[in-house]
PDB file of all heavy atoms in Angstrom:
ATOM      1  N   LYS A   1     -46.597  41.378  33.682  1.00  0.00           N
ATOM      2  CA  LYS A   1     -46.068  40.266  32.927  1.00  0.00           C
ATOM      3  C   LYS A   1     -44.891  40.697  32.044  1.00  0.00           C
ATOM      4  O   LYS A   1     -43.894  39.952  31.840  1.00  0.00           O
ATOM      5  CB  LYS A   1     -47.139  39.582  32.082  1.00  0.00           C
ATOM      6  CG  LYS A   1     -48.213  38.923  32.909  1.00  0.00           C
ATOM      7  CD  LYS A   1     -49.286  38.326  32.033  1.00  0.00           C
ATOM      8  CE  LYS A   1     -50.385  37.644  32.860  1.00  0.00           C
ATOM      9  NZ  LYS A   1     -51.490  37.068  31.989  1.00  0.00           N
ATOM     10  N   MET A   2     -44.985  41.893  31.501  1.00  0.00           N
ATOM     11  CA  MET A   2     -43.944  42.373  30.591  1.00  0.00           C
ATOM     12  C   MET A   2     -42.629  42.644  31.330  1.00  0.00           C
ATOM     13  O   MET A   2     -41.549  42.529  30.755  1.00  0.00           O
ATOM     14  CB  MET A   2     -44.444  43.703  29.915  1.00  0.00           C
ATOM     15  CG  MET A   2     -43.699  44.056  28.646  1.00  0.00           C
ATOM     16  SD  MET A   2     -44.360  45.598  27.926  1.00  0.00           S
ATOM     17  CE  MET A   2     -45.988  45.039  27.409  1.00  0.00           C
ATOM     18  N   GLN A   3     -42.703  42.943  32.640  1.00  0.00           N
ATOM     19  CA  GLN A   3     -41.505  43.186  33.405  1.00  0.00           C
ATOM     20  C   GLN A   3     -41.003  41.958  34.192  1.00  0.00           C
ATOM     21  O   GLN A   3     -39.992  42.065  34.890  1.00  0.00           O
ATOM     22  CB  GLN A   3     -41.797  44.325  34.428  1.00  0.00           C
ATOM     23  CG  GLN A   3     -42.124  45.656  33.787  1.00  0.00           C
ATOM     24  CD  GLN A   3     -42.403  46.715  34.826  1.00  0.00           C
ATOM     25  OE1 GLN A   3     -41.488  47.350  35.338  1.00  0.00           O
ATOM     26  NE2 GLN A   3     -43.668  46.959  35.058  1.00  0.00           N
ATOM     27  N   ASP A   4     -41.708  40.849  34.049  1.00  0.00           N
ATOM     28  CA  ASP A   4     -41.362  39.655  34.799  1.00  0.00           C
ATOM     29  C   ASP A   4     -40.303  38.847  34.027  1.00  0.00           C
ATOM     30  O   ASP A   4     -40.621  38.273  32.969  1.00  0.00           O
ATOM     31  CB  ASP A   4     -42.607  38.785  35.035  1.00  0.00           C
ATOM     32  CG  ASP A   4     -42.331  37.652  36.034  1.00  0.00           C
ATOM     33  OD1 ASP A   4     -41.166  37.463  36.433  1.00  0.00           O
ATOM     34  OD2 ASP A   4     -43.310  36.949  36.380  1.00  0.00           O
ATOM     35  N   ASP A   5     -39.068  38.827  34.494  1.00  0.00           N
ATOM     36  CA  ASP A   5     -37.998  38.108  33.833  1.00  0.00           C
ATOM     37  C   ASP A   5     -38.167  36.599  33.844  1.00  0.00           C
ATOM     38  O   ASP A   5     -37.752  35.888  32.936  1.00  0.00           O
ATOM     39  CB  ASP A   5     -36.641  38.462  34.471  1.00  0.00           C
ATOM     40  CG  ASP A   5     -36.292  39.952  34.324  1.00  0.00           C
ATOM     41  OD1 ASP A   5     -36.812  40.514  33.321  1.00  0.00           O
ATOM     42  OD2 ASP A   5     -35.572  40.489  35.158  1.00  0.00           O
ATOM     43  N   LYS A   6     -38.865  36.068  34.879  1.00  0.00           N
ATOM     44  CA  LYS A   6     -38.998  34.628  35.032  1.00  0.00           C
ATOM     45  C   LYS A   6     -39.932  34.042  33.960  1.00  0.00           C
ATOM     46  O   LYS A   6     -39.816  32.892  33.611  1.00  0.00           O
ATOM     47  CB  LYS A   6     -39.548  34.285  36.432  1.00  0.00           C
ATOM     48  CG  LYS A   6     -38.538  34.753  37.566  1.00  0.00           C
ATOM     49  CD  LYS A   6     -39.185  34.379  38.921  1.00  0.00           C
ATOM     50  CE  LYS A   6     -38.208  34.811  40.025  1.00  0.00           C
ATOM     51  NZ  LYS A   6     -38.780  34.521  41.380  1.00  0.00           N
ATOM     52  N   THR A   7     -40.923  34.849  33.522  1.00  0.00           N
ATOM     53  CA  THR A   7     -41.887  34.328  32.539  1.00  0.00           C
ATOM     54  C   THR A   7     -41.588  34.888  31.154  1.00  0.00           C
ATOM     55  O   THR A   7     -42.515  34.951  30.310  1.00  0.00           O
ATOM     56  CB  THR A   7     -43.289  34.709  32.988  1.00  0.00           C
ATOM     57  OG1 THR A   7     -43.407  36.139  33.112  1.00  0.00           O
ATOM     58  CG2 THR A   7     -43.619  34.025  34.311  1.00  0.00           C
ATOM     59  N   GLY A   8     -40.369  35.309  30.872  1.00  0.00           N
ATOM     60  CA  GLY A   8     -40.028  35.782  29.547  1.00  0.00           C
ATOM     61  C   GLY A   8     -40.540  37.187  29.247  1.00  0.00           C
ATOM     62  O   GLY A   8     -41.180  37.446  28.209  1.00  0.00           O
ATOM     63  N   GLY A   9     -40.226  38.130  30.161  1.00  0.00           N
ATOM     64  CA  GLY A   9     -40.632  39.516  29.954  1.00  0.00           C
ATOM     65  C   GLY A   9     -39.711  40.202  28.968  1.00  0.00           C
ATOM     66  O   GLY A   9     -38.810  39.622  28.386  1.00  0.00           O
ATOM     67  N   VAL A  10     -39.990  41.502  28.773  1.00  0.00           N
ATOM     68  CA  VAL A  10     -39.159  42.312  27.869  1.00  0.00           C
ATOM     69  C   VAL A  10     -37.806  42.559  28.510  1.00  0.00           C
ATOM     70  O   VAL A  10     -37.745  42.936  29.705  1.00  0.00           O
ATOM     71  CB  VAL A  10     -39.884  43.643  27.566  1.00  0.00           C
ATOM     72  CG1 VAL A  10     -39.028  44.504  26.643  1.00  0.00           C
ATOM     73  CG2 VAL A  10     -41.250  43.381  26.968  1.00  0.00           C
ATOM     74  N   PRO A  11     -36.702  42.353  27.772  1.00  0.00           N
ATOM     75  CA  PRO A  11     -35.379  42.563  28.360  1.00  0.00           C
ATOM     76  C   PRO A  11     -35.134  44.018  28.683  1.00  0.00           C
ATOM     77  O   PRO A  11     -35.164  44.881  27.784  1.00  0.00           O
ATOM     78  CB  PRO A  11     -34.420  42.053  27.250  1.00  0.00           C
ATOM     79  CG  PRO A  11     -35.212  42.126  26.017  1.00  0.00           C
ATOM     80  CD  PRO A  11     -36.633  41.855  26.383  1.00  0.00           C
ATOM     81  N   ILE A  12     -34.900  44.322  29.962  1.00  0.00           N
ATOM     82  CA  ILE A  12     -34.613  45.694  30.427  1.00  0.00           C
ATOM     83  C   ILE A  12     -33.086  45.810  30.582  1.00  0.00           C
ATOM     84  O   ILE A  12     -32.481  44.997  31.294  1.00  0.00           O
ATOM     85  CB  ILE A  12     -35.331  45.996  31.755  1.00  0.00           C
ATOM     86  CG1 ILE A  12     -36.838  45.850  31.538  1.00  0.00           C
ATOM     87  CG2 ILE A  12     -35.001  47.411  32.198  1.00  0.00           C
ATOM     88  CD1 ILE A  12     -37.629  45.945  32.821  1.00  0.00           C
ATOM     89  N   ARG A  13     -32.463  46.800  29.956  1.00  0.00           N
ATOM     90  CA  ARG A  13     -31.053  46.867  29.974  1.00  0.00           C
ATOM     91  C   ARG A  13     -30.564  48.297  30.056  1.00  0.00           C
ATOM     92  O   ARG A  13     -31.355  49.246  29.892  1.00  0.00           O
ATOM     93  CB  ARG A  13     -30.457  46.184  28.747  1.00  0.00           C
ATOM     94  CG  ARG A  13     -31.020  46.760  27.406  1.00  0.00           C
ATOM     95  CD  ARG A  13     -30.527  45.952  26.239  1.00  0.00           C
ATOM     96  NE  ARG A  13     -31.008  46.500  24.953  1.00  0.00           N
ATOM     97  CZ  ARG A  13     -32.169  46.139  24.395  1.00  0.00           C
ATOM     98  NH1 ARG A  13     -32.944  45.248  24.996  1.00  0.00           N
ATOM     99  NH2 ARG A  13     -32.522  46.650  23.228  1.00  0.00           N
ATOM    100  N   THR A  14     -29.252  48.450  30.317  1.00  0.00           N
ATOM    101  CA  THR A  14     -28.596  49.748  30.310  1.00  0.00           C
ATOM    102  C   THR A  14     -27.812  49.908  29.029  1.00  0.00           C
ATOM    103  O   THR A  14     -27.039  49.007  28.650  1.00  0.00           O
ATOM    104  CB  THR A  14     -27.642  49.868  31.539  1.00  0.00           C
ATOM    105  OG1 THR A  14     -28.426  49.765  32.738  1.00  0.00           O
ATOM    106  CG2 THR A  14     -26.944  51.213  31.480  1.00  0.00           C
ATOM    107  N   VAL A  15     -28.054  50.998  28.354  1.00  0.00           N
ATOM    108  CA  VAL A  15     -27.446  51.202  26.993  1.00  0.00           C
ATOM    109  C   VAL A  15     -26.442  52.328  27.095  1.00  0.00           C
ATOM    110  O   VAL A  15     -26.650  53.334  27.786  1.00  0.00           O
ATOM    111  CB  VAL A  15     -28.561  51.558  25.975  1.00  0.00           C
ATOM    112  CG1 VAL A  15     -27.946  51.765  24.601  1.00  0.00           C
ATOM    113  CG2 VAL A  15     -29.638  50.484  25.945  1.00  0.00           C
ATOM    114  N   LYS A  16     -25.318  52.106  26.424  1.00  0.00           N
ATOM    115  CA  LYS A  16     -24.265  53.166  26.332  1.00  0.00           C
ATOM    116  C   LYS A  16     -24.581  54.085  25.151  1.00  0.00           C
ATOM    117  O   LYS A  16     -24.860  53.659  24.089  1.00  0.00           O
ATOM    118  CB  LYS A  16     -22.901  52.546  26.151  1.00  0.00           C
ATOM    119  CG  LYS A  16     -22.404  51.712  27.390  1.00  0.00           C
ATOM    120  CD  LYS A  16     -21.006  51.195  27.153  1.00  0.00           C
ATOM    121  CE  LYS A  16     -20.520  50.417  28.343  1.00  0.00           C
ATOM    122  NZ  LYS A  16     -19.139  49.921  28.137  1.00  0.00           N
ATOM    123  N   SER A  17     -24.511  55.381  25.450  1.00  0.00           N
ATOM    124  CA  SER A  17     -24.770  56.382  24.420  1.00  0.00           C
ATOM    125  C   SER A  17     -23.712  57.460  24.528  1.00  0.00           C
ATOM    126  O   SER A  17     -23.675  58.248  25.454  1.00  0.00           O
ATOM    127  CB  SER A  17     -26.176  56.971  24.577  1.00  0.00           C
ATOM    128  OG  SER A  17     -26.393  58.028  23.674  1.00  0.00           O
ATOM    129  N   PHE A  18     -22.804  57.493  23.540  1.00  0.00           N
ATOM    130  CA  PHE A  18     -21.721  58.460  23.493  1.00  0.00           C
ATOM    131  C   PHE A  18     -20.908  58.361  24.808  1.00  0.00           C
ATOM    132  O   PHE A  18     -20.261  57.331  25.024  1.00  0.00           O
ATOM    133  CB  PHE A  18     -22.262  59.869  23.312  1.00  0.00           C
ATOM    134  CG  PHE A  18     -21.194  60.880  22.914  1.00  0.00           C
ATOM    135  CD1 PHE A  18     -20.271  60.568  21.929  1.00  0.00           C
ATOM    136  CD2 PHE A  18     -21.117  62.114  23.537  1.00  0.00           C
ATOM    137  CE1 PHE A  18     -19.306  61.511  21.567  1.00  0.00           C
ATOM    138  CE2 PHE A  18     -20.139  63.021  23.189  1.00  0.00           C
ATOM    139  CZ  PHE A  18     -19.236  62.722  22.210  1.00  0.00           C
ATOM    140  N   LEU A  19     -20.880  59.387  25.641  1.00  0.00           N
ATOM    141  CA  LEU A  19     -20.092  59.344  26.859  1.00  0.00           C
ATOM    142  C   LEU A  19     -20.922  59.021  28.118  1.00  0.00           C
ATOM    143  O   LEU A  19     -20.398  59.090  29.243  1.00  0.00           O
ATOM    144  CB  LEU A  19     -19.361  60.687  27.061  1.00  0.00           C
ATOM    145  CG  LEU A  19     -18.412  61.068  25.961  1.00  0.00           C
ATOM    146  CD1 LEU A  19     -17.809  62.445  26.233  1.00  0.00           C
ATOM    147  CD2 LEU A  19     -17.280  60.029  25.834  1.00  0.00           C
ATOM    148  N   SER A  20     -22.206  58.666  27.963  1.00  0.00           N
ATOM    149  CA  SER A  20     -23.079  58.465  29.095  1.00  0.00           C
ATOM    150  C   SER A  20     -23.772  57.116  28.972  1.00  0.00           C
ATOM    151  O   SER A  20     -23.706  56.476  27.906  1.00  0.00           O
ATOM    152  CB  SER A  20     -24.122  59.566  29.224  1.00  0.00           C
ATOM    153  OG  SER A  20     -24.932  59.617  28.051  1.00  0.00           O
ATOM    154  N   LYS A  21     -24.453  56.716  30.010  1.00  0.00           N
ATOM    155  CA  LYS A  21     -25.212  55.480  30.058  1.00  0.00           C
ATOM    156  C   LYS A  21     -26.672  55.766  30.274  1.00  0.00           C
ATOM    157  O   LYS A  21     -27.044  56.669  31.053  1.00  0.00           O
ATOM    158  CB  LYS A  21     -24.699  54.556  31.137  1.00  0.00           C
ATOM    159  CG  LYS A  21     -23.301  54.031  30.934  1.00  0.00           C
ATOM    160  CD  LYS A  21     -22.915  53.073  32.054  1.00  0.00           C
ATOM    161  CE  LYS A  21     -21.509  52.522  31.819  1.00  0.00           C
ATOM    162  NZ  LYS A  21     -21.101  51.591  32.914  1.00  0.00           N
ATOM    163  N   ILE A  22     -27.534  55.039  29.562  1.00  0.00           N
ATOM    164  CA  ILE A  22     -28.989  55.200  29.700  1.00  0.00           C
ATOM    165  C   ILE A  22     -29.505  53.949  30.416  1.00  0.00           C
ATOM    166  O   ILE A  22     -29.580  52.857  29.825  1.00  0.00           O
ATOM    167  CB  ILE A  22     -29.689  55.351  28.328  1.00  0.00           C
ATOM    168  CG1 ILE A  22     -29.028  56.482  27.538  1.00  0.00           C
ATOM    169  CG2 ILE A  22     -31.163  55.617  28.488  1.00  0.00           C
ATOM    170  CD1 ILE A  22     -29.571  56.605  26.144  1.00  0.00           C
ATOM    171  N   PRO A  23     -29.922  54.065  31.713  1.00  0.00           N
ATOM    172  CA  PRO A  23     -30.276  52.892  32.466  1.00  0.00           C
ATOM    173  C   PRO A  23     -31.758  52.489  32.311  1.00  0.00           C
ATOM    174  O   PRO A  23     -32.609  53.349  32.004  1.00  0.00           O
ATOM    175  CB  PRO A  23     -30.033  53.357  33.954  1.00  0.00           C
ATOM    176  CG  PRO A  23     -30.283  54.864  33.875  1.00  0.00           C
ATOM    177  CD  PRO A  23     -29.839  55.288  32.505  1.00  0.00           C
ATOM    178  N   SER A  24     -32.019  51.226  32.499  1.00  0.00           N
ATOM    179  CA  SER A  24     -33.388  50.664  32.596  1.00  0.00           C
ATOM    180  C   SER A  24     -34.288  51.072  31.428  1.00  0.00           C
ATOM    181  O   SER A  24     -35.308  51.708  31.644  1.00  0.00           O
ATOM    182  CB  SER A  24     -34.033  51.085  33.909  1.00  0.00           C
ATOM    183  OG  SER A  24     -33.240  50.646  35.007  1.00  0.00           O
ATOM    184  N   VAL A  25     -33.888  50.682  30.205  1.00  0.00           N
ATOM    185  CA  VAL A  25     -34.695  51.032  29.015  1.00  0.00           C
ATOM    186  C   VAL A  25     -34.989  49.748  28.234  1.00  0.00           C
ATOM    187  O   VAL A  25     -34.275  48.764  28.361  1.00  0.00           O
ATOM    188  CB  VAL A  25     -33.975  52.051  28.167  1.00  0.00           C
ATOM    189  CG1 VAL A  25     -33.828  53.401  28.843  1.00  0.00           C
ATOM    190  CG2 VAL A  25     -32.623  51.543  27.699  1.00  0.00           C
ATOM    191  N   VAL A  26     -36.050  49.854  27.404  1.00  0.00           N
ATOM    192  CA  VAL A  26     -36.371  48.836  26.455  1.00  0.00           C
ATOM    193  C   VAL A  26     -36.662  49.562  25.123  1.00  0.00           C
ATOM    194  O   VAL A  26     -36.910  50.751  25.139  1.00  0.00           O
ATOM    195  CB  VAL A  26     -37.657  48.019  26.877  1.00  0.00           C
ATOM    196  CG1 VAL A  26     -37.387  47.269  28.140  1.00  0.00           C
ATOM    197  CG2 VAL A  26     -38.848  48.938  27.064  1.00  0.00           C
ATOM    198  N   THR A  27     -36.636  48.850  24.036  1.00  0.00           N
ATOM    199  CA  THR A  27     -36.904  49.447  22.726  1.00  0.00           C
ATOM    200  C   THR A  27     -38.365  49.253  22.364  1.00  0.00           C
ATOM    201  O   THR A  27     -39.026  48.309  22.821  1.00  0.00           O
ATOM    202  CB  THR A  27     -36.008  48.888  21.655  1.00  0.00           C
ATOM    203  OG1 THR A  27     -36.276  47.482  21.489  1.00  0.00           O
ATOM    204  CG2 THR A  27     -34.520  49.045  22.050  1.00  0.00           C
ATOM    205  N   GLY A  28     -38.830  50.118  21.436  1.00  0.00           N
ATOM    206  CA  GLY A  28     -40.191  49.978  21.000  1.00  0.00           C
ATOM    207  C   GLY A  28     -40.395  48.657  20.249  1.00  0.00           C
ATOM    208  O   GLY A  28     -41.494  48.023  20.294  1.00  0.00           O
ATOM    209  N   THR A  29     -39.388  48.201  19.516  1.00  0.00           N
ATOM    210  CA  THR A  29     -39.478  46.891  18.810  1.00  0.00           C
ATOM    211  C   THR A  29     -39.647  45.759  19.789  1.00  0.00           C
ATOM    212  O   THR A  29     -40.456  44.826  19.528  1.00  0.00           O
ATOM    213  CB  THR A  29     -38.211  46.691  17.969  1.00  0.00           C
ATOM    214  OG1 THR A  29     -38.047  47.763  17.053  1.00  0.00           O
ATOM    215  CG2 THR A  29     -38.287  45.378  17.197  1.00  0.00           C
ATOM    216  N   ASP A  30     -38.912  45.799  20.914  1.00  0.00           N
ATOM    217  CA  ASP A  30     -39.058  44.706  21.917  1.00  0.00           C
ATOM    218  C   ASP A  30     -40.484  44.681  22.461  1.00  0.00           C
ATOM    219  O   ASP A  30     -41.073  43.570  22.640  1.00  0.00           O
ATOM    220  CB  ASP A  30     -38.067  44.942  23.059  1.00  0.00           C
ATOM    221  CG  ASP A  30     -36.615  44.739  22.638  1.00  0.00           C
ATOM    222  OD1 ASP A  30     -36.438  44.057  21.641  1.00  0.00           O
ATOM    223  OD2 ASP A  30     -35.722  45.294  23.277  1.00  0.00           O
ATOM    224  N   ILE A  31     -41.070  45.807  22.725  1.00  0.00           N
ATOM    225  CA  ILE A  31     -42.435  45.864  23.276  1.00  0.00           C
ATOM    226  C   ILE A  31     -43.428  45.330  22.296  1.00  0.00           C
ATOM    227  O   ILE A  31     -44.312  44.511  22.631  1.00  0.00           O
ATOM    228  CB  ILE A  31     -42.783  47.291  23.748  1.00  0.00           C
ATOM    229  CG1 ILE A  31     -41.875  47.723  24.893  1.00  0.00           C
ATOM    230  CG2 ILE A  31     -44.251  47.381  24.140  1.00  0.00           C
ATOM    231  CD1 ILE A  31     -42.068  49.145  25.341  1.00  0.00           C
TER     232      ILE A  31
END
């Protein structure tokens, strides 16, 4: 359920960090 976007799951996103990208992450606050 947490990964289901249709039912309001946790937003999974790619984050930019310095010169690289961190894919498919969520924050502890979101969880």
